[in-house]
Amino acid sequence: MNDFSNPLPKPGASIRRRDGGMLYSSVMVSRAGVALGVGALNGDLGKLLAHCMKTCIDRHITGALVWDSGYFLTVLEGELGQLDALMDSLRTDRCFGEPRVLECVPVKGREYKNWAVGAARPESTPSPLIKKLQTVVPTAGEVRTQVRTSIYDGVIAETPALVGAAA
């Protein structure tokens, strides 16, 4: 089984945004600690997503969360302090089991203009990424691609635009 106990260190370099703030992108994987099956949006998953959506709006964090076969895949973009605070809260949230930050890097611009959630189709089998995740840790790039594809295939919910056009 995969060992998520060794989170990766944060890089020391940073890039300044035009407004003087620091913009980072973070990729995280975790085991889902809530039911993800039929009707889950009416239970703990729905409550979790509503809380995440409000938190991301309040903290001006963009990106996406996707669930697939018992795992959450997350890409977040925002100020480093806001991302750190969010990651700290996720580490103690029972909904996110064994959270692992695969990457937290400075970026010049955002890929997302809002925060969205999506899921693999319920009738699908685990994606190749999830099969890999069950034995080894995937790369941040692989997770980014899976999240982007899942959101493209069908967003379940999303905030209004939190920033101008994404880069």
N, C-alpha and C. Protein backbone atom coordinates (compact mmCIF):
# COMPACT_ATOMS: atom_id res chain seq x y z
N MET A 1 0.84 -1.18 0.00
CA MET A 1 0.00 0.00 0.00
C MET A 1 0.89 1.24 0.00
N ASN A 2 0.38 2.30 -0.53
CA ASN A 2 1.11 3.54 -0.68
C ASN A 2 1.36 4.20 0.69
N ASP A 3 2.54 4.74 0.89
CA ASP A 3 2.89 5.42 2.13
C ASP A 3 2.81 6.92 1.92
N PHE A 4 1.79 7.56 2.51
CA PHE A 4 1.60 9.00 2.36
C PHE A 4 2.19 9.77 3.54
N SER A 5 2.98 9.12 4.37
CA SER A 5 3.44 9.75 5.59
C SER A 5 4.58 10.75 5.39
N ASN A 6 5.15 10.85 4.22
CA ASN A 6 6.27 11.74 3.96
C ASN A 6 5.88 12.90 3.04
N PRO A 7 5.26 13.97 3.55
CA PRO A 7 4.93 15.07 2.66
C PRO A 7 6.20 15.71 2.10
N LEU A 8 6.09 16.21 0.89
CA LEU A 8 7.23 16.85 0.25
C LEU A 8 7.47 18.24 0.83
N PRO A 9 8.71 18.69 0.87
CA PRO A 9 8.99 20.04 1.39
C PRO A 9 8.50 21.10 0.41
N LYS A 10 8.22 22.27 0.94
CA LYS A 10 7.83 23.39 0.09
C LYS A 10 9.08 24.01 -0.51
N PRO A 11 9.01 24.44 -1.77
CA PRO A 11 10.17 25.08 -2.37
C PRO A 11 10.41 26.46 -1.74
N GLY A 12 11.64 26.90 -1.77
CA GLY A 12 11.97 28.19 -1.18
C GLY A 12 11.81 29.36 -2.13
N ALA A 13 11.82 29.10 -3.42
CA ALA A 13 11.72 30.18 -4.41
C ALA A 13 10.29 30.70 -4.50
N SER A 14 10.15 31.93 -4.96
CA SER A 14 8.82 32.50 -5.15
C SER A 14 8.84 33.47 -6.31
N ILE A 15 7.66 33.71 -6.86
CA ILE A 15 7.49 34.66 -7.96
C ILE A 15 6.47 35.69 -7.50
N ARG A 16 6.76 36.95 -7.71
CA ARG A 16 5.85 38.01 -7.28
C ARG A 16 4.79 38.27 -8.35
N ARG A 17 3.56 38.42 -7.88
CA ARG A 17 2.49 38.83 -8.78
C ARG A 17 2.56 40.34 -8.95
N ARG A 18 1.83 40.84 -9.93
CA ARG A 18 1.82 42.28 -10.17
C ARG A 18 1.36 43.08 -8.96
N ASP A 19 0.45 42.48 -8.14
CA ASP A 19 -0.03 43.20 -6.97
C ASP A 19 0.87 43.03 -5.76
N GLY A 20 2.03 42.37 -5.94
CA GLY A 20 2.99 42.20 -4.87
C GLY A 20 2.82 40.93 -4.07
N GLY A 21 1.68 40.22 -4.24
CA GLY A 21 1.44 38.99 -3.50
C GLY A 21 2.14 37.81 -4.15
N MET A 22 2.23 36.75 -3.41
CA MET A 22 2.86 35.53 -3.90
C MET A 22 1.78 34.60 -4.43
N LEU A 23 1.96 34.07 -5.63
CA LEU A 23 0.99 33.15 -6.21
C LEU A 23 1.63 31.77 -6.33
N TYR A 24 0.97 30.77 -5.75
CA TYR A 24 1.45 29.39 -5.76
C TYR A 24 0.38 28.47 -6.29
N SER A 25 0.82 27.33 -6.77
CA SER A 25 -0.09 26.26 -7.16
C SER A 25 0.32 25.01 -6.38
N SER A 26 -0.67 24.35 -5.80
CA SER A 26 -0.42 23.18 -4.98
C SER A 26 -1.25 22.01 -5.50
N VAL A 27 -0.64 20.82 -5.51
CA VAL A 27 -1.32 19.60 -5.93
C VAL A 27 -1.31 18.64 -4.75
N MET A 28 -2.48 18.08 -4.43
CA MET A 28 -2.60 17.20 -3.28
C MET A 28 -3.45 15.98 -3.63
N VAL A 29 -3.11 14.84 -3.03
CA VAL A 29 -3.94 13.64 -3.10
C VAL A 29 -4.23 13.20 -1.67
N SER A 30 -5.40 12.59 -1.48
CA SER A 30 -5.75 12.06 -0.17
C SER A 30 -6.82 10.99 -0.34
N ARG A 31 -6.93 10.17 0.67
CA ARG A 31 -8.01 9.19 0.70
C ARG A 31 -9.28 9.93 1.13
N ALA A 32 -10.39 9.57 0.53
CA ALA A 32 -11.66 10.18 0.92
C ALA A 32 -12.13 9.57 2.24
N GLY A 33 -12.43 10.40 3.20
CA GLY A 33 -12.91 9.95 4.49
C GLY A 33 -14.42 10.08 4.62
N VAL A 34 -15.09 10.30 3.50
CA VAL A 34 -16.55 10.38 3.47
C VAL A 34 -17.05 9.47 2.35
N ALA A 35 -18.31 9.07 2.44
CA ALA A 35 -18.91 8.25 1.40
C ALA A 35 -18.98 9.04 0.09
N LEU A 36 -18.67 8.37 -1.01
CA LEU A 36 -18.67 9.02 -2.32
C LEU A 36 -19.71 8.43 -3.27
N GLY A 37 -20.50 7.48 -2.80
CA GLY A 37 -21.44 6.77 -3.66
C GLY A 37 -22.69 7.57 -3.96
N VAL A 38 -23.67 6.86 -4.50
CA VAL A 38 -24.95 7.45 -4.86
C VAL A 38 -25.56 8.12 -3.63
N GLY A 39 -26.02 9.34 -3.80
CA GLY A 39 -26.64 10.09 -2.71
C GLY A 39 -25.66 10.79 -1.79
N ALA A 40 -24.36 10.64 -2.03
CA ALA A 40 -23.36 11.22 -1.12
C ALA A 40 -23.43 12.75 -1.08
N LEU A 41 -23.87 13.37 -2.16
CA LEU A 41 -23.96 14.83 -2.16
C LEU A 41 -25.00 15.33 -1.17
N ASN A 42 -25.92 14.46 -0.75
CA ASN A 42 -26.92 14.84 0.25
C ASN A 42 -26.43 14.62 1.67
N GLY A 43 -25.22 14.09 1.83
CA GLY A 43 -24.69 13.80 3.15
C GLY A 43 -23.40 14.55 3.42
N ASP A 44 -22.43 13.83 4.03
CA ASP A 44 -21.16 14.44 4.41
C ASP A 44 -20.39 15.02 3.24
N LEU A 45 -20.46 14.37 2.07
CA LEU A 45 -19.74 14.91 0.91
C LEU A 45 -20.29 16.27 0.52
N GLY A 46 -21.60 16.41 0.49
CA GLY A 46 -22.21 17.70 0.17
C GLY A 46 -21.83 18.78 1.16
N LYS A 47 -21.82 18.44 2.45
CA LYS A 47 -21.41 19.40 3.48
C LYS A 47 -19.95 19.80 3.29
N LEU A 48 -19.11 18.79 3.01
CA LEU A 48 -17.69 19.07 2.79
C LEU A 48 -17.49 20.00 1.61
N LEU A 49 -18.16 19.72 0.50
CA LEU A 49 -17.99 20.55 -0.70
C LEU A 49 -18.49 21.97 -0.47
N ALA A 50 -19.59 22.12 0.24
CA ALA A 50 -20.10 23.47 0.54
C ALA A 50 -19.09 24.24 1.39
N HIS A 51 -18.52 23.56 2.39
CA HIS A 51 -17.51 24.19 3.24
C HIS A 51 -16.26 24.57 2.42
N CYS A 52 -15.80 23.65 1.58
CA CYS A 52 -14.62 23.93 0.74
C CYS A 52 -14.88 25.11 -0.20
N MET A 53 -16.08 25.14 -0.77
CA MET A 53 -16.41 26.22 -1.70
C MET A 53 -16.38 27.56 -0.98
N LYS A 54 -16.99 27.63 0.20
CA LYS A 54 -16.98 28.89 0.96
C LYS A 54 -15.56 29.28 1.35
N THR A 55 -14.78 28.30 1.81
CA THR A 55 -13.40 28.58 2.20
C THR A 55 -12.59 29.12 1.04
N CYS A 56 -12.73 28.50 -0.13
CA CYS A 56 -11.97 28.95 -1.29
C CYS A 56 -12.39 30.35 -1.74
N ILE A 57 -13.68 30.64 -1.66
CA ILE A 57 -14.14 31.99 -2.00
C ILE A 57 -13.56 32.99 -1.00
N ASP A 58 -13.67 32.69 0.30
CA ASP A 58 -13.17 33.60 1.33
C ASP A 58 -11.67 33.84 1.21
N ARG A 59 -10.91 32.82 0.82
CA ARG A 59 -9.45 32.92 0.75
C ARG A 59 -8.94 33.22 -0.66
N HIS A 60 -9.86 33.41 -1.58
CA HIS A 60 -9.50 33.73 -2.97
C HIS A 60 -8.61 32.63 -3.57
N ILE A 61 -9.00 31.38 -3.33
CA ILE A 61 -8.27 30.22 -3.84
C ILE A 61 -9.04 29.64 -5.02
N THR A 62 -8.36 29.44 -6.12
CA THR A 62 -8.96 28.83 -7.30
C THR A 62 -8.41 27.42 -7.46
N GLY A 63 -9.02 26.65 -8.35
CA GLY A 63 -8.56 25.29 -8.61
C GLY A 63 -9.72 24.34 -8.68
N ALA A 64 -9.46 23.07 -8.34
CA ALA A 64 -10.51 22.05 -8.45
C ALA A 64 -10.23 20.88 -7.53
N LEU A 65 -11.31 20.22 -7.12
CA LEU A 65 -11.25 18.99 -6.35
C LEU A 65 -12.06 17.95 -7.12
N VAL A 66 -11.46 16.79 -7.34
CA VAL A 66 -12.11 15.70 -8.05
C VAL A 66 -12.03 14.46 -7.18
N TRP A 67 -13.08 13.65 -7.16
CA TRP A 67 -13.00 12.39 -6.44
C TRP A 67 -13.16 11.24 -7.43
N ASP A 68 -12.43 10.18 -7.11
CA ASP A 68 -12.42 9.00 -7.98
C ASP A 68 -12.03 7.78 -7.13
N SER A 69 -12.90 6.81 -7.07
CA SER A 69 -12.61 5.51 -6.45
C SER A 69 -11.98 5.61 -5.06
N GLY A 70 -12.55 6.47 -4.22
CA GLY A 70 -12.08 6.57 -2.85
C GLY A 70 -10.97 7.55 -2.59
N TYR A 71 -10.61 8.35 -3.57
CA TYR A 71 -9.53 9.34 -3.42
C TYR A 71 -10.01 10.72 -3.83
N PHE A 72 -9.44 11.74 -3.20
CA PHE A 72 -9.60 13.13 -3.62
C PHE A 72 -8.32 13.55 -4.32
N LEU A 73 -8.46 14.22 -5.45
CA LEU A 73 -7.35 14.82 -6.20
C LEU A 73 -7.62 16.31 -6.23
N THR A 74 -6.67 17.11 -5.80
CA THR A 74 -6.91 18.53 -5.64
C THR A 74 -5.79 19.37 -6.24
N VAL A 75 -6.18 20.42 -6.97
CA VAL A 75 -5.26 21.45 -7.46
C VAL A 75 -5.77 22.77 -6.89
N LEU A 76 -4.90 23.49 -6.19
CA LEU A 76 -5.26 24.75 -5.58
C LEU A 76 -4.28 25.84 -6.00
N GLU A 77 -4.80 27.06 -6.18
CA GLU A 77 -3.96 28.20 -6.57
C GLU A 77 -4.29 29.38 -5.68
N GLY A 78 -3.25 30.04 -5.19
CA GLY A 78 -3.49 31.22 -4.37
C GLY A 78 -2.24 31.69 -3.66
N GLU A 79 -2.43 32.62 -2.74
CA GLU A 79 -1.34 33.12 -1.93
C GLU A 79 -0.80 31.99 -1.06
N LEU A 80 0.50 31.93 -0.84
CA LEU A 80 1.10 30.84 -0.09
C LEU A 80 0.53 30.74 1.33
N GLY A 81 0.35 31.85 1.99
CA GLY A 81 -0.21 31.83 3.34
C GLY A 81 -1.61 31.24 3.38
N GLN A 82 -2.42 31.58 2.39
CA GLN A 82 -3.78 31.04 2.31
C GLN A 82 -3.76 29.54 2.02
N LEU A 83 -2.86 29.12 1.12
CA LEU A 83 -2.75 27.69 0.82
C LEU A 83 -2.25 26.91 2.04
N ASP A 84 -1.27 27.46 2.73
CA ASP A 84 -0.76 26.80 3.94
C ASP A 84 -1.85 26.64 4.99
N ALA A 85 -2.64 27.68 5.19
CA ALA A 85 -3.72 27.62 6.18
C ALA A 85 -4.75 26.57 5.78
N LEU A 86 -5.07 26.50 4.50
CA LEU A 86 -6.03 25.50 4.03
C LEU A 86 -5.46 24.10 4.20
N MET A 87 -4.20 23.90 3.82
CA MET A 87 -3.56 22.58 3.96
C MET A 87 -3.50 22.15 5.43
N ASP A 88 -3.21 23.09 6.33
CA ASP A 88 -3.18 22.76 7.76
C ASP A 88 -4.55 22.27 8.23
N SER A 89 -5.62 22.92 7.76
CA SER A 89 -6.96 22.49 8.17
C SER A 89 -7.32 21.13 7.56
N LEU A 90 -6.86 20.86 6.36
CA LEU A 90 -7.15 19.56 5.72
C LEU A 90 -6.43 18.42 6.43
N ARG A 91 -5.25 18.69 6.96
CA ARG A 91 -4.48 17.65 7.65
C ARG A 91 -5.20 17.13 8.89
N THR A 92 -6.07 17.94 9.48
CA THR A 92 -6.78 17.52 10.68
C THR A 92 -8.25 17.20 10.41
N ASP A 93 -8.68 17.31 9.17
CA ASP A 93 -10.06 17.04 8.79
C ASP A 93 -10.23 15.56 8.48
N ARG A 94 -11.15 14.89 9.15
CA ARG A 94 -11.35 13.46 8.94
C ARG A 94 -11.82 13.13 7.52
N CYS A 95 -12.29 14.11 6.79
CA CYS A 95 -12.75 13.88 5.41
C CYS A 95 -11.60 13.64 4.45
N PHE A 96 -10.39 14.07 4.84
CA PHE A 96 -9.21 13.92 3.99
C PHE A 96 -8.21 13.02 4.70
N GLY A 97 -8.25 11.72 4.39
CA GLY A 97 -7.34 10.77 5.01
C GLY A 97 -5.98 10.75 4.34
N GLU A 98 -4.94 10.79 5.14
CA GLU A 98 -3.57 10.72 4.64
C GLU A 98 -3.28 11.74 3.52
N PRO A 99 -3.57 13.02 3.76
CA PRO A 99 -3.31 14.01 2.70
C PRO A 99 -1.82 14.11 2.39
N ARG A 100 -1.51 14.23 1.13
CA ARG A 100 -0.11 14.34 0.70
C ARG A 100 0.00 15.44 -0.35
N VAL A 101 0.82 16.43 -0.06
CA VAL A 101 1.10 17.49 -1.02
C VAL A 101 2.18 16.98 -1.97
N LEU A 102 1.84 16.87 -3.24
CA LEU A 102 2.80 16.41 -4.24
C LEU A 102 3.66 17.55 -4.77
N GLU A 103 3.10 18.75 -4.71
CA GLU A 103 3.80 19.89 -5.27
C GLU A 103 3.21 21.17 -4.70
N CYS A 104 4.05 22.11 -4.41
CA CYS A 104 3.63 23.46 -4.06
C CYS A 104 4.68 24.38 -4.65
N VAL A 105 4.35 24.99 -5.78
CA VAL A 105 5.35 25.73 -6.54
C VAL A 105 4.84 27.13 -6.89
N PRO A 106 5.76 28.08 -6.99
CA PRO A 106 5.37 29.42 -7.44
C PRO A 106 4.99 29.38 -8.91
N VAL A 107 3.99 30.16 -9.27
CA VAL A 107 3.55 30.24 -10.66
C VAL A 107 3.36 31.70 -11.05
N LYS A 108 3.42 31.95 -12.34
CA LYS A 108 3.24 33.31 -12.84
C LYS A 108 1.78 33.69 -12.98
N GLY A 109 0.92 32.70 -13.17
CA GLY A 109 -0.50 32.98 -13.35
C GLY A 109 -1.35 31.77 -12.99
N ARG A 110 -2.62 31.99 -12.90
CA ARG A 110 -3.56 30.94 -12.54
C ARG A 110 -3.99 30.15 -13.78
N GLU A 111 -4.23 28.86 -13.57
CA GLU A 111 -4.80 28.02 -14.61
C GLU A 111 -6.33 28.05 -14.50
N TYR A 112 -6.84 28.25 -13.30
CA TYR A 112 -8.29 28.25 -13.05
C TYR A 112 -8.74 29.66 -12.69
N LYS A 113 -9.97 30.01 -13.10
CA LYS A 113 -10.51 31.31 -12.72
C LYS A 113 -11.49 31.19 -11.55
N ASN A 114 -11.85 29.95 -11.19
CA ASN A 114 -12.78 29.72 -10.07
C ASN A 114 -12.35 28.46 -9.34
N TRP A 115 -13.21 27.99 -8.43
CA TRP A 115 -12.97 26.71 -7.75
C TRP A 115 -14.12 25.81 -8.13
N ALA A 116 -13.80 24.59 -8.58
CA ALA A 116 -14.81 23.67 -9.07
C ALA A 116 -14.63 22.29 -8.46
N VAL A 117 -15.69 21.51 -8.49
CA VAL A 117 -15.63 20.12 -8.05
C VAL A 117 -16.20 19.23 -9.14
N GLY A 118 -15.65 18.03 -9.23
CA GLY A 118 -16.12 17.07 -10.22
C GLY A 118 -15.82 15.66 -9.75
N ALA A 119 -16.31 14.69 -10.51
CA ALA A 119 -16.12 13.29 -10.15
C ALA A 119 -15.99 12.45 -11.41
N ALA A 120 -15.30 11.33 -11.27
CA ALA A 120 -15.30 10.35 -12.33
C ALA A 120 -16.73 9.83 -12.44
N ARG A 121 -17.13 9.42 -13.62
CA ARG A 121 -18.49 8.90 -13.77
C ARG A 121 -18.68 7.71 -12.83
N PRO A 122 -19.82 7.63 -12.14
CA PRO A 122 -20.04 6.55 -11.17
C PRO A 122 -19.89 5.15 -11.76
N GLU A 123 -20.25 4.98 -13.04
CA GLU A 123 -20.19 3.66 -13.63
C GLU A 123 -18.78 3.30 -14.12
N SER A 124 -17.85 4.24 -14.01
CA SER A 124 -16.51 3.96 -14.50
C SER A 124 -15.69 3.15 -13.50
N THR A 125 -14.71 2.46 -14.01
CA THR A 125 -13.76 1.77 -13.14
C THR A 125 -12.68 2.77 -12.76
N PRO A 126 -11.88 2.48 -11.76
CA PRO A 126 -10.84 3.44 -11.38
C PRO A 126 -9.96 3.81 -12.58
N SER A 127 -9.63 5.08 -12.66
CA SER A 127 -8.76 5.55 -13.74
C SER A 127 -7.37 4.95 -13.57
N PRO A 128 -6.57 4.95 -14.64
CA PRO A 128 -5.18 4.47 -14.51
C PRO A 128 -4.41 5.21 -13.42
N LEU A 129 -4.71 6.49 -13.22
CA LEU A 129 -4.03 7.26 -12.17
C LEU A 129 -4.37 6.69 -10.79
N ILE A 130 -5.63 6.37 -10.56
CA ILE A 130 -6.04 5.83 -9.26
C ILE A 130 -5.43 4.45 -9.06
N LYS A 131 -5.38 3.65 -10.10
CA LYS A 131 -4.73 2.34 -9.97
C LYS A 131 -3.26 2.52 -9.59
N LYS A 132 -2.60 3.50 -10.19
CA LYS A 132 -1.20 3.78 -9.86
C LYS A 132 -1.09 4.28 -8.41
N LEU A 133 -2.02 5.14 -8.01
CA LEU A 133 -1.99 5.73 -6.68
C LEU A 133 -2.09 4.67 -5.58
N GLN A 134 -2.69 3.55 -5.88
CA GLN A 134 -2.84 2.49 -4.89
C GLN A 134 -1.52 1.77 -4.59
N THR A 135 -0.50 1.97 -5.43
CA THR A 135 0.79 1.32 -5.19
C THR A 135 1.96 2.29 -5.10
N VAL A 136 1.94 3.36 -5.89
CA VAL A 136 3.01 4.37 -5.85
C VAL A 136 2.37 5.75 -5.92
N VAL A 137 3.12 6.76 -5.58
CA VAL A 137 2.63 8.13 -5.64
C VAL A 137 2.77 8.66 -7.06
N PRO A 138 1.69 9.14 -7.65
CA PRO A 138 1.79 9.71 -9.00
C PRO A 138 2.50 11.06 -8.97
N THR A 139 2.86 11.54 -10.12
CA THR A 139 3.49 12.86 -10.20
C THR A 139 2.42 13.94 -10.10
N ALA A 140 2.83 15.13 -9.75
CA ALA A 140 1.91 16.26 -9.69
C ALA A 140 1.30 16.50 -11.07
N GLY A 141 2.10 16.35 -12.13
CA GLY A 141 1.61 16.54 -13.49
C GLY A 141 0.50 15.56 -13.84
N GLU A 142 0.65 14.32 -13.40
CA GLU A 142 -0.39 13.31 -13.66
C GLU A 142 -1.69 13.67 -12.95
N VAL A 143 -1.57 14.15 -11.71
CA VAL A 143 -2.76 14.55 -10.96
C VAL A 143 -3.40 15.77 -11.61
N ARG A 144 -2.58 16.75 -11.99
CA ARG A 144 -3.12 17.94 -12.67
C ARG A 144 -3.93 17.56 -13.91
N THR A 145 -3.38 16.65 -14.72
CA THR A 145 -4.06 16.23 -15.95
C THR A 145 -5.38 15.54 -15.62
N GLN A 146 -5.39 14.65 -14.63
CA GLN A 146 -6.62 13.95 -14.25
C GLN A 146 -7.68 14.92 -13.75
N VAL A 147 -7.27 15.89 -12.93
CA VAL A 147 -8.22 16.88 -12.42
C VAL A 147 -8.78 17.69 -13.57
N ARG A 148 -7.92 18.20 -14.43
CA ARG A 148 -8.37 19.02 -15.57
C ARG A 148 -9.33 18.24 -16.46
N THR A 149 -9.01 16.98 -16.76
CA THR A 149 -9.86 16.15 -17.61
C THR A 149 -11.22 15.91 -16.96
N SER A 150 -11.22 15.60 -15.67
CA SER A 150 -12.48 15.33 -14.97
C SER A 150 -13.36 16.57 -14.91
N ILE A 151 -12.77 17.72 -14.67
CA ILE A 151 -13.54 18.96 -14.63
C ILE A 151 -14.08 19.28 -16.02
N TYR A 152 -13.27 19.05 -17.04
CA TYR A 152 -13.70 19.29 -18.42
C TYR A 152 -14.87 18.39 -18.79
N ASP A 153 -14.81 17.12 -18.34
CA ASP A 153 -15.85 16.15 -18.67
C ASP A 153 -17.17 16.41 -17.95
N GLY A 154 -17.13 17.11 -16.84
CA GLY A 154 -18.38 17.39 -16.15
C GLY A 154 -18.18 17.98 -14.78
N VAL A 155 -18.43 19.26 -14.66
CA VAL A 155 -18.35 19.95 -13.37
C VAL A 155 -19.64 19.68 -12.61
N ILE A 156 -19.52 19.35 -11.35
CA ILE A 156 -20.70 19.16 -10.50
C ILE A 156 -21.12 20.49 -9.89
N ALA A 157 -20.15 21.28 -9.48
CA ALA A 157 -20.43 22.60 -8.90
C ALA A 157 -19.20 23.47 -9.08
N GLU A 158 -19.41 24.79 -9.14
CA GLU A 158 -18.28 25.71 -9.24
C GLU A 158 -18.70 27.07 -8.71
N THR A 159 -17.68 27.80 -8.24
CA THR A 159 -17.93 29.15 -7.76
C THR A 159 -18.05 30.08 -8.97
N PRO A 160 -18.55 31.27 -8.75
CA PRO A 160 -18.42 32.30 -9.79
C PRO A 160 -16.92 32.57 -9.97
N ALA A 161 -16.56 33.22 -11.03
CA ALA A 161 -15.16 33.57 -11.26
C ALA A 161 -14.62 34.36 -10.08
N LEU A 162 -13.46 33.92 -9.56
CA LEU A 162 -12.82 34.59 -8.43
C LEU A 162 -11.71 35.53 -8.90
N VAL A 163 -11.28 35.34 -10.14
CA VAL A 163 -10.23 36.16 -10.73
C VAL A 163 -10.63 36.44 -12.17
N GLY A 164 -9.86 37.32 -12.83
CA GLY A 164 -10.07 37.56 -14.25
C GLY A 164 -9.73 36.30 -15.04
N ALA A 165 -9.68 36.40 -16.32
CA ALA A 165 -9.38 35.24 -17.17
C ALA A 165 -8.13 34.52 -16.71
N ALA A 166 -8.21 33.21 -16.60
CA ALA A 166 -7.06 32.41 -16.17
C ALA A 166 -6.01 32.39 -17.27
N ALA A 167 -4.75 32.24 -16.83
CA ALA A 167 -3.64 32.26 -17.79
C ALA A 167 -3.66 31.03 -18.66
